[in-house]
Amino acid sequence: MTKIKGAFLLLLVSLLFHGCVQHTNWNQYLGPHRNATITGTEISESWTENGPEELWSFPLGEGYGAASIFDNEVFILDRKKGESDILRCIDLESGEENWNYTYEAKGELPFPGSRAVPTVDKKYVWSVGPHGHFYCFDRKTHLPIWNHNLLEEFERELSTWGVSQSPVIHKNLVIVAPHGEKAGVVAFNKISGELVWKSRPLTGPNFHVSLTLANFDGTDQVIMISPYDRSDSTKTQEVVAFDANSGEELWKYEGLRSFGTITPATVIDDHRLFFTDCSYNDKYDPVSIMLEITKEGDDFKVKELFLTEAAGSKIHPAVLFENHLYLNHTGNPRQMVCMTLNGELVWEKDSAPDFDLGALILVDGFILNQNGKNGDIHLIEPSPEGYKEVGKASFFGSEKTQAWAPLAYSQGKLVIRNLEKMVCIDLQDPGE
């Protein structure tokens, strides 16, 4: 009996470990922990001259919305220009479309197309379109089970650049920021679509940043950045945190001074929060800031640990690896940079390439960085000693590349896009 129990426990541990290692769903914007990082997986550390293999490509309409991946299915919000949004579900292995759902969304914006990333779990998909349509889809029936119009319900005008919200799931809630006159941040029951809480309106105009979910001093909170308006002094900038369960306001910081924030906050640990931007102080100037969030009694306190104008990223957040931050600096000179957690740059100027407005993620201790102009993918070994490129590959030939969308990785496969198509790349070791 003892031997049987021992064998059963060994089998159970083995299955749990195997499940842990294999579970690499990239189920939302910036991955499973919303920090552009994934662990428990391995990729090839050496690329051939031609780079890794392209497994498939899928044609898309123009846009900047990226993929999420769950259980061998790729989800992306596509768009038929001027007419409708299209949620597509594509098989990760074959690149064949499993199903799609189209709903009417008339009109178009400068830089047309979708902006955000769907959020997925075992049963549902949540997505927000560029005209404010917020849908929850059933993965089994392929039909919507509820929807809201964020512009109409929370009194927000459609801005020049549209709506860019990648939903956050917290327990039984799905949380987004409509940034309207009636509410800045709202939480719905993720299954019924019923409104659970709403925050006060935010102080600035609406823009393109999505929420960050964090836990400071045991309190789950969602953090939103609201920029200021250079032409309207009544609309002022703020970074504000709300209790993720109740919507209670917890703390506020007003030192970012951004007029066009796109890059969300990055959680460093249980007391530090990092911001990076490139629309600082009335100009397109870079800035990076580290905050310390602590609790004294019933109140949260915010302390600015550093503010540097030496580097800042306009669209995509930094990745954290071994106490250093890596980001695509979009100031002058434009280049990838490495920064300490004290705000000091450790690479010399012009020592790394310019990745323009491309995204970067951290997989298996390596950085995958995409050139925003031509879509090339670079494999980089992160090191404070200098820029160390391991491989480079090209997958787009069009001059209309403009590859600004976030990246998605799951099960050894990288999914990227430009303005014309989505491509899936095999990053596994050829021997596996």
Protein backbone atom coordinates (compact mmCIF):
# COMPACT_ATOMS: atom_id res chain seq x y z
CA MET A 1 0.00 0.00 0.00
CA THR A 2 2.83 2.41 0.87
CA LYS A 3 4.51 1.71 -2.46
CA ILE A 4 1.24 2.36 -4.32
CA LYS A 5 0.72 5.65 -2.47
CA GLY A 6 4.31 6.65 -3.20
CA ALA A 7 3.94 5.83 -6.89
CA PHE A 8 0.67 7.77 -7.05
CA LEU A 9 2.23 10.85 -5.43
CA LEU A 10 5.22 10.65 -7.79
CA LEU A 11 2.87 10.47 -10.77
CA LEU A 12 0.82 13.39 -9.45
CA VAL A 13 3.91 15.56 -8.93
CA SER A 14 5.15 14.63 -12.40
CA LEU A 15 1.83 15.59 -13.99
CA LEU A 16 1.66 18.86 -12.10
CA PHE A 17 5.22 19.74 -13.08
CA HIS A 18 4.58 18.82 -16.71
CA GLY A 19 1.43 20.94 -16.74
CA CYS A 20 3.30 23.88 -15.24
CA VAL A 21 6.07 23.72 -17.82
CA GLN A 22 3.68 23.33 -20.77
CA HIS A 23 1.25 26.07 -19.70
CA THR A 24 2.39 29.06 -21.72
CA ASN A 25 -0.87 30.75 -22.68
CA TRP A 26 -0.38 34.37 -23.74
CA ASN A 27 -3.98 35.13 -22.86
CA GLN A 28 -3.96 38.93 -22.79
CA TYR A 29 -2.08 42.15 -23.56
CA LEU A 30 1.57 41.73 -22.49
CA GLY A 31 1.16 38.07 -21.61
CA PRO A 32 0.02 35.99 -18.62
CA HIS A 33 1.24 38.48 -15.99
CA ARG A 34 0.75 41.60 -18.12
CA ASN A 35 4.50 42.36 -17.96
CA ALA A 36 5.69 41.26 -21.44
CA THR A 37 7.43 38.28 -19.83
CA ILE A 38 6.88 34.53 -19.83
CA THR A 39 8.75 31.75 -18.03
CA GLY A 40 8.54 27.96 -17.89
CA THR A 41 9.29 27.59 -21.59
CA GLU A 42 12.35 27.23 -23.81
CA ILE A 43 13.27 28.65 -27.20
CA SER A 44 16.16 28.05 -29.56
CA GLU A 45 19.19 30.08 -28.54
CA SER A 46 20.85 29.93 -31.96
CA TRP A 47 19.26 30.92 -35.26
CA THR A 48 20.37 29.97 -38.74
CA GLU A 49 21.31 32.66 -41.26
CA ASN A 50 17.72 32.67 -42.51
CA GLY A 51 16.31 32.77 -38.99
CA PRO A 52 13.55 30.59 -37.52
CA GLU A 53 10.90 28.99 -39.71
CA GLU A 54 7.71 30.80 -40.66
CA LEU A 55 4.88 28.35 -39.95
CA TRP A 56 2.02 30.30 -41.47
CA SER A 57 0.67 33.76 -42.28
CA PHE A 58 -2.88 35.10 -42.22
CA PRO A 59 -4.12 38.22 -44.10
CA LEU A 60 -5.48 41.06 -41.97
CA GLY A 61 -6.93 44.48 -42.52
CA GLU A 62 -4.90 47.49 -41.46
CA GLY A 63 -4.49 47.83 -37.72
CA TYR A 64 -2.33 47.70 -34.61
CA GLY A 65 -4.31 45.32 -32.42
CA ALA A 66 -2.31 42.22 -31.51
CA ALA A 67 -3.04 38.58 -30.79
CA SER A 68 -3.69 36.65 -27.62
CA ILE A 69 -3.21 32.88 -27.48
CA PHE A 70 -5.05 30.26 -25.42
CA ASP A 71 -5.14 26.46 -25.85
CA ASN A 72 -3.83 26.38 -29.42
CA GLU A 73 -6.13 29.18 -30.55
CA VAL A 74 -5.08 32.67 -31.63
CA PHE A 75 -7.56 35.51 -31.07
CA ILE A 76 -7.27 38.88 -32.77
CA LEU A 77 -9.68 41.76 -33.35
CA ASP A 78 -9.53 42.59 -37.05
CA ARG A 79 -11.41 45.31 -38.91
CA LYS A 80 -13.13 45.90 -42.24
CA LYS A 81 -12.22 49.49 -42.93
CA GLY A 82 -15.06 51.93 -42.25
CA GLU A 83 -17.64 49.23 -41.59
CA SER A 84 -17.12 46.60 -38.88
CA ASP A 85 -14.95 44.89 -36.28
CA ILE A 86 -14.18 41.18 -36.68
CA LEU A 87 -13.07 38.89 -33.87
CA ARG A 88 -11.08 36.06 -35.46
CA CYS A 89 -10.13 32.72 -33.93
CA ILE A 90 -7.24 31.03 -35.76
CA ASP A 91 -5.67 27.62 -35.17
CA LEU A 92 -2.18 28.08 -33.74
CA GLU A 93 -0.78 24.99 -35.46
CA SER A 94 -2.20 25.35 -38.97
CA GLY A 95 -3.04 29.04 -39.35
CA GLU A 96 -6.55 28.12 -40.51
CA GLU A 97 -9.45 30.22 -39.27
CA ASN A 98 -11.69 28.28 -36.88
CA TRP A 99 -14.41 30.93 -36.67
CA ASN A 100 -15.07 34.67 -36.67
CA TYR A 101 -17.75 37.07 -35.54
CA THR A 102 -18.49 40.43 -37.20
CA TYR A 103 -20.41 43.35 -35.71
CA GLU A 104 -21.16 46.75 -37.23
CA ALA A 105 -18.84 49.61 -36.25
CA LYS A 106 -19.15 52.42 -38.79
CA GLY A 107 -16.54 55.10 -39.40
CA GLU A 108 -12.77 55.23 -39.48
CA LEU A 109 -9.85 56.89 -37.74
CA PRO A 110 -6.41 58.18 -38.66
CA PHE A 111 -4.09 55.17 -38.49
CA PRO A 112 -7.12 52.90 -39.18
CA GLY A 113 -7.88 49.52 -37.69
CA SER A 114 -8.01 47.81 -34.33
CA ARG A 115 -5.84 49.00 -31.45
CA ALA A 116 -6.15 46.57 -28.54
CA VAL A 117 -5.61 42.93 -27.55
CA PRO A 118 -8.42 40.51 -26.59
CA THR A 119 -8.38 38.86 -23.16
CA VAL A 120 -9.15 35.13 -23.09
CA ASP A 121 -9.86 32.36 -20.58
CA LYS A 122 -11.11 28.78 -20.98
CA LYS A 123 -14.68 29.82 -21.82
CA TYR A 124 -14.76 33.46 -22.91
CA VAL A 125 -13.10 36.22 -24.95
CA TRP A 126 -13.37 39.92 -24.05
CA SER A 127 -12.40 42.61 -26.55
CA VAL A 128 -12.75 46.37 -27.07
CA GLY A 129 -12.95 47.83 -30.57
CA PRO A 130 -11.54 51.20 -31.73
CA HIS A 131 -15.04 52.74 -31.66
CA GLY A 132 -15.73 51.67 -28.07
CA HIS A 133 -17.65 48.43 -28.60
CA PHE A 134 -16.94 46.14 -25.63
CA TYR A 135 -17.90 42.49 -26.24
CA CYS A 136 -17.81 39.22 -24.34
CA PHE A 137 -17.84 36.13 -26.60
CA ASP A 138 -18.54 32.50 -25.75
CA ARG A 139 -15.70 30.34 -27.12
CA LYS A 140 -18.00 27.34 -27.51
CA THR A 141 -20.91 28.96 -29.37
CA HIS A 142 -18.76 31.64 -31.08
CA LEU A 143 -21.44 34.20 -30.23
CA PRO A 144 -21.51 37.28 -27.98
CA ILE A 145 -23.17 36.85 -24.58
CA TRP A 146 -23.17 40.56 -23.76
CA ASN A 147 -21.84 43.87 -25.07
CA HIS A 148 -21.56 47.52 -24.04
CA ASN A 149 -20.83 50.72 -25.91
CA LEU A 150 -18.26 52.48 -23.71
CA LEU A 151 -18.68 55.81 -25.51
CA GLU A 152 -22.46 56.00 -25.20
CA GLU A 153 -22.81 54.57 -21.68
CA PHE A 154 -20.08 56.66 -20.05
CA GLU A 155 -20.39 59.84 -22.16
CA ARG A 156 -17.14 59.93 -24.03
CA GLU A 157 -16.59 61.52 -27.41
CA LEU A 158 -14.72 59.44 -29.97
CA SER A 159 -11.28 61.03 -29.97
CA THR A 160 -9.00 61.43 -32.97
CA TRP A 161 -7.14 58.20 -32.20
CA GLY A 162 -10.12 56.11 -31.10
CA VAL A 163 -10.37 53.67 -28.19
CA SER A 164 -7.51 51.41 -27.15
CA GLN A 165 -8.41 49.24 -24.17
CA SER A 166 -7.13 45.73 -23.47
CA PRO A 167 -9.41 44.34 -20.72
CA VAL A 168 -8.08 43.21 -17.31
CA ILE A 169 -9.58 40.16 -15.60
CA HIS A 170 -9.63 40.21 -11.79
CA LYS A 171 -11.51 37.39 -10.05
CA ASN A 172 -15.09 37.61 -11.35
CA LEU A 173 -14.58 41.08 -12.84
CA VAL A 174 -13.50 42.41 -16.23
CA ILE A 175 -12.12 45.94 -15.93
CA VAL A 176 -11.59 48.64 -18.58
CA ALA A 177 -11.15 52.41 -18.68
CA PRO A 178 -13.81 54.16 -20.80
CA HIS A 179 -12.33 57.51 -19.70
CA GLY A 180 -15.71 59.22 -20.00
CA GLU A 181 -17.62 62.00 -18.26
CA LYS A 182 -19.52 59.48 -16.13
CA ALA A 183 -16.58 57.24 -15.16
CA GLY A 184 -12.86 56.85 -15.68
CA VAL A 185 -12.50 53.15 -14.88
CA VAL A 186 -15.31 50.57 -14.70
CA ALA A 187 -15.67 46.92 -13.64
CA PHE A 188 -18.29 44.54 -14.98
CA ASN A 189 -19.22 41.04 -13.91
CA LYS A 190 -17.18 39.14 -16.49
CA ILE A 191 -19.97 36.63 -17.28
CA SER A 192 -23.19 38.64 -16.94
CA GLY A 193 -21.84 42.00 -18.10
CA GLU A 194 -23.51 43.76 -15.15
CA LEU A 195 -21.77 46.92 -13.92
CA VAL A 196 -20.21 46.23 -10.49
CA TRP A 197 -18.34 49.48 -9.79
CA LYS A 198 -17.24 52.66 -11.48
CA SER A 199 -14.65 55.27 -10.53
CA ARG A 200 -14.85 59.03 -10.69
CA PRO A 201 -14.01 60.62 -14.06
CA LEU A 202 -10.30 61.04 -14.73
CA THR A 203 -8.80 64.53 -14.87
CA GLY A 204 -7.25 64.38 -18.34
CA PRO A 205 -8.45 63.69 -21.89
CA ASN A 206 -8.83 60.12 -23.09
CA PHE A 207 -5.87 58.50 -24.81
CA HIS A 208 -4.37 55.11 -25.58
CA VAL A 209 -3.09 53.56 -22.35
CA SER A 210 -4.55 50.35 -20.84
CA LEU A 211 -4.81 49.44 -17.17
CA THR A 212 -2.10 47.76 -15.08
CA LEU A 213 -3.06 45.28 -12.35
CA ALA A 214 -0.85 45.29 -9.23
CA ASN A 215 -0.82 44.27 -5.59
CA PHE A 216 0.75 46.68 -3.10
CA ASP A 217 0.65 45.93 0.62
CA GLY A 218 -1.88 43.13 0.10
CA THR A 219 -4.33 45.29 -1.85
CA ASP A 220 -5.25 44.43 -5.45
CA GLN A 221 -5.37 47.60 -7.48
CA VAL A 222 -5.74 48.80 -11.05
CA ILE A 223 -3.55 51.69 -12.16
CA MET A 224 -4.59 54.13 -14.89
CA ILE A 225 -2.67 56.98 -16.49
CA SER A 226 -4.56 60.06 -17.64
CA PRO A 227 -2.56 62.63 -19.70
CA TYR A 228 -3.02 66.39 -19.76
CA ASP A 229 -4.28 68.47 -22.68
CA ARG A 230 -1.85 71.03 -24.12
CA SER A 231 -4.75 73.07 -25.50
CA ASP A 232 -7.07 72.87 -22.46
CA SER A 233 -5.62 73.73 -19.04
CA THR A 234 -8.66 72.27 -17.25
CA LYS A 235 -7.64 68.73 -18.30
CA THR A 236 -4.71 67.77 -16.09
CA GLN A 237 -2.45 64.73 -15.86
CA GLU A 238 -2.66 62.06 -13.17
CA VAL A 239 -1.64 58.51 -12.39
CA VAL A 240 -4.35 57.04 -10.19
CA ALA A 241 -4.93 53.66 -8.51
CA PHE A 242 -8.30 52.15 -7.63
CA ASP A 243 -9.08 49.12 -5.48
CA ALA A 244 -9.69 46.33 -8.01
CA ASN A 245 -12.51 44.84 -5.92
CA SER A 246 -14.47 47.95 -5.04
CA GLY A 247 -13.27 50.88 -7.17
CA GLU A 248 -12.23 52.89 -4.11
CA GLU A 249 -9.53 55.44 -4.95
CA LEU A 250 -6.26 54.52 -3.20
CA TRP A 251 -3.55 56.95 -4.31
CA LYS A 252 -2.60 59.49 -6.95
CA TYR A 253 0.66 60.76 -8.51
CA GLU A 254 0.92 63.90 -10.67
CA GLY A 255 4.60 63.94 -11.67
CA LEU A 256 4.51 62.09 -14.99
CA ARG A 257 3.44 65.25 -16.89
CA SER A 258 2.56 63.45 -20.13
CA PHE A 259 0.21 64.75 -22.83
CA GLY A 260 -0.02 61.53 -24.88
CA THR A 261 0.51 58.41 -22.77
CA ILE A 262 0.37 55.05 -24.52
CA THR A 263 2.80 52.95 -22.46
CA PRO A 264 1.23 51.31 -19.38
CA ALA A 265 2.92 51.10 -15.97
CA THR A 266 5.25 48.16 -15.22
CA VAL A 267 5.11 46.42 -11.84
CA ILE A 268 8.66 45.83 -10.53
CA ASP A 269 7.79 44.10 -7.23
CA ASP A 270 5.37 44.45 -4.31
CA HIS A 271 6.29 48.10 -3.68
CA ARG A 272 7.75 49.59 -6.88
CA LEU A 273 6.11 50.76 -10.09
CA PHE A 274 7.90 51.95 -13.26
CA PHE A 275 6.68 54.39 -15.92
CA THR A 276 8.20 55.29 -19.26
CA ASP A 277 6.91 57.75 -21.84
CA CYS A 278 7.91 60.04 -24.68
CA SER A 279 5.47 62.97 -24.47
CA TYR A 280 6.92 64.84 -21.52
CA ASN A 281 6.61 68.54 -20.63
CA ASP A 282 4.84 69.84 -23.78
CA LYS A 283 7.33 68.16 -26.11
CA TYR A 284 7.96 64.66 -27.40
CA ASP A 285 10.66 64.28 -24.79
CA PRO A 286 11.50 61.01 -23.01
CA VAL A 287 10.97 60.36 -19.32
CA SER A 288 11.22 57.34 -17.03
CA ILE A 289 10.04 57.28 -13.41
CA MET A 290 10.18 54.82 -10.54
CA LEU A 291 7.65 55.09 -7.72
CA GLU A 292 7.55 53.41 -4.32
CA ILE A 293 4.06 52.56 -3.07
CA THR A 294 3.72 51.91 0.67
CA LYS A 295 0.90 51.90 3.19
CA GLU A 296 0.89 53.91 6.42
CA GLY A 297 -2.14 53.10 8.53
CA ASP A 298 -5.15 53.21 6.21
CA ASP A 299 -3.49 55.38 3.56
CA PHE A 300 -1.15 54.63 0.67
CA LYS A 301 1.91 56.84 0.24
CA VAL A 302 3.69 57.50 -3.04
CA LYS A 303 7.39 58.32 -3.16
CA GLU A 304 9.28 59.21 -6.34
CA LEU A 305 12.50 57.18 -6.27
CA PHE A 306 13.86 58.66 -9.50
CA LEU A 307 12.87 60.66 -12.56
CA THR A 308 15.20 60.64 -15.55
CA GLU A 309 14.91 62.28 -18.96
CA ALA A 310 17.71 60.08 -20.33
CA ALA A 311 15.32 57.48 -21.78
CA GLY A 312 11.67 56.85 -22.49
CA SER A 313 9.47 54.59 -24.63
CA LYS A 314 6.53 56.01 -26.55
CA ILE A 315 4.38 52.89 -27.00
CA HIS A 316 5.71 49.72 -25.36
CA PRO A 317 6.72 49.04 -21.74
CA ALA A 318 10.14 47.94 -20.55
CA VAL A 319 10.98 44.35 -19.63
CA LEU A 320 12.70 43.51 -16.34
CA PHE A 321 15.54 41.00 -16.18
CA GLU A 322 18.00 40.48 -13.32
CA ASN A 323 17.53 43.95 -11.80
CA HIS A 324 17.83 45.81 -15.10
CA LEU A 325 15.19 47.33 -17.36
CA TYR A 326 15.38 47.09 -21.16
CA LEU A 327 13.33 49.39 -23.37
CA ASN A 328 13.16 50.92 -26.83
CA HIS A 329 14.14 54.54 -26.23
CA THR A 330 12.30 56.79 -28.68
CA GLY A 331 14.19 59.99 -27.89
CA ASN A 332 17.53 61.08 -29.33
CA PRO A 333 19.40 58.94 -30.22
CA ARG A 334 16.66 56.38 -30.80
CA GLN A 335 17.99 53.02 -29.61
CA MET A 336 17.39 50.12 -27.27
CA VAL A 337 18.72 50.92 -23.80
CA CYS A 338 19.51 49.14 -20.55
CA MET A 339 18.73 50.91 -17.29
CA THR A 340 19.40 50.09 -13.64
CA LEU A 341 16.58 50.16 -11.11
CA ASN A 342 18.10 53.43 -9.91
CA GLY A 343 17.50 55.07 -13.30
CA GLU A 344 21.07 54.99 -14.62
CA LEU A 345 21.80 54.00 -18.23
CA VAL A 346 24.53 51.37 -18.45
CA TRP A 347 25.02 51.22 -22.22
CA GLU A 348 26.85 53.88 -24.18
CA LYS A 349 24.93 55.98 -26.68
CA ASP A 350 24.64 54.47 -30.19
CA SER A 351 25.74 51.06 -28.88
CA ALA A 352 22.42 49.39 -29.77
CA PRO A 353 20.08 49.52 -32.80
CA ASP A 354 17.05 51.76 -33.27
CA PHE A 355 13.93 49.60 -33.05
CA ASP A 356 11.63 52.55 -33.76
CA LEU A 357 8.14 51.91 -32.28
CA GLY A 358 8.50 48.13 -32.16
CA ALA A 359 7.63 45.94 -29.17
CA LEU A 360 9.84 43.71 -27.05
CA ILE A 361 9.10 40.73 -24.80
CA LEU A 362 11.18 38.48 -22.53
CA VAL A 363 10.98 34.71 -23.19
CA ASP A 364 13.19 32.10 -21.53
CA GLY A 365 15.68 34.75 -20.43
CA PHE A 366 16.02 36.19 -23.96
CA ILE A 367 14.57 39.37 -25.41
CA LEU A 368 12.61 39.27 -28.66
CA ASN A 369 12.61 42.79 -30.09
CA GLN A 370 10.78 43.82 -33.25
CA ASN A 371 11.88 46.66 -35.51
CA GLY A 372 8.81 48.87 -35.85
CA LYS A 373 9.74 50.02 -39.37
CA ASN A 374 10.46 46.76 -41.20
CA GLY A 375 9.09 44.15 -38.77
CA ASP A 376 12.41 42.30 -38.36
CA ILE A 377 12.69 40.18 -35.21
CA HIS A 378 15.92 40.29 -33.19
CA LEU A 379 16.92 37.71 -30.57
CA ILE A 380 18.92 39.43 -27.82
CA GLU A 381 20.71 38.16 -24.75
CA PRO A 382 20.01 40.76 -22.05
CA SER A 383 23.17 41.94 -20.32
CA PRO A 384 24.27 45.17 -18.59
CA GLU A 385 27.67 44.66 -20.27
CA GLY A 386 26.30 45.69 -23.66
CA TYR A 387 23.98 44.89 -26.54
CA LYS A 388 24.32 41.19 -27.44
CA GLU A 389 22.38 40.11 -30.50
CA VAL A 390 22.06 36.35 -31.03
CA GLY A 391 19.91 36.26 -34.16
CA LYS A 392 17.86 38.28 -36.65
CA ALA A 393 15.13 37.35 -39.11
CA SER A 394 12.80 39.08 -41.61
CA PHE A 395 9.20 38.09 -42.28
CA PHE A 396 7.69 41.14 -44.00
CA GLY A 397 8.57 42.45 -47.44
CA SER A 398 6.05 45.26 -47.77
CA GLU A 399 6.88 48.95 -47.38
CA LYS A 400 3.63 49.27 -45.40
CA THR A 401 5.07 47.30 -42.48
CA GLN A 402 4.66 49.73 -39.56
CA ALA A 403 4.94 46.88 -37.05
CA TRP A 404 3.86 48.67 -33.87
CA ALA A 405 1.64 45.96 -32.37
CA PRO A 406 2.60 44.03 -29.21
CA LEU A 407 4.07 40.53 -29.64
CA ALA A 408 2.50 37.26 -28.48
CA TYR A 409 4.26 33.99 -27.59
CA SER A 410 2.94 30.54 -26.68
CA GLN A 411 4.07 26.93 -26.98
CA GLY A 412 7.29 27.73 -28.80
CA LYS A 413 5.59 30.03 -31.30
CA LEU A 414 5.84 33.79 -31.78
CA VAL A 415 2.89 35.62 -33.38
CA ILE A 416 3.57 39.04 -34.93
CA ARG A 417 1.77 41.34 -37.36
CA ASN A 418 2.15 44.35 -39.64
CA LEU A 419 -0.50 46.33 -41.54
CA GLU A 420 -1.26 43.49 -43.94
CA LYS A 421 -0.85 40.11 -42.25
CA MET A 422 -0.17 38.10 -39.11
CA VAL A 423 2.77 35.67 -39.06
CA CYS A 424 3.50 32.69 -36.80
CA ILE A 425 7.16 31.78 -36.25
CA ASP A 426 8.62 28.56 -34.81
CA LEU A 427 11.06 29.41 -32.00
CA GLN A 428 11.57 25.89 -30.69
CA ASP A 429 14.91 24.16 -30.94
CA PRO A 430 14.95 22.16 -34.23
CA GLY A 431 16.00 19.09 -32.24
CA GLU A 432 12.86 19.10 -30.08
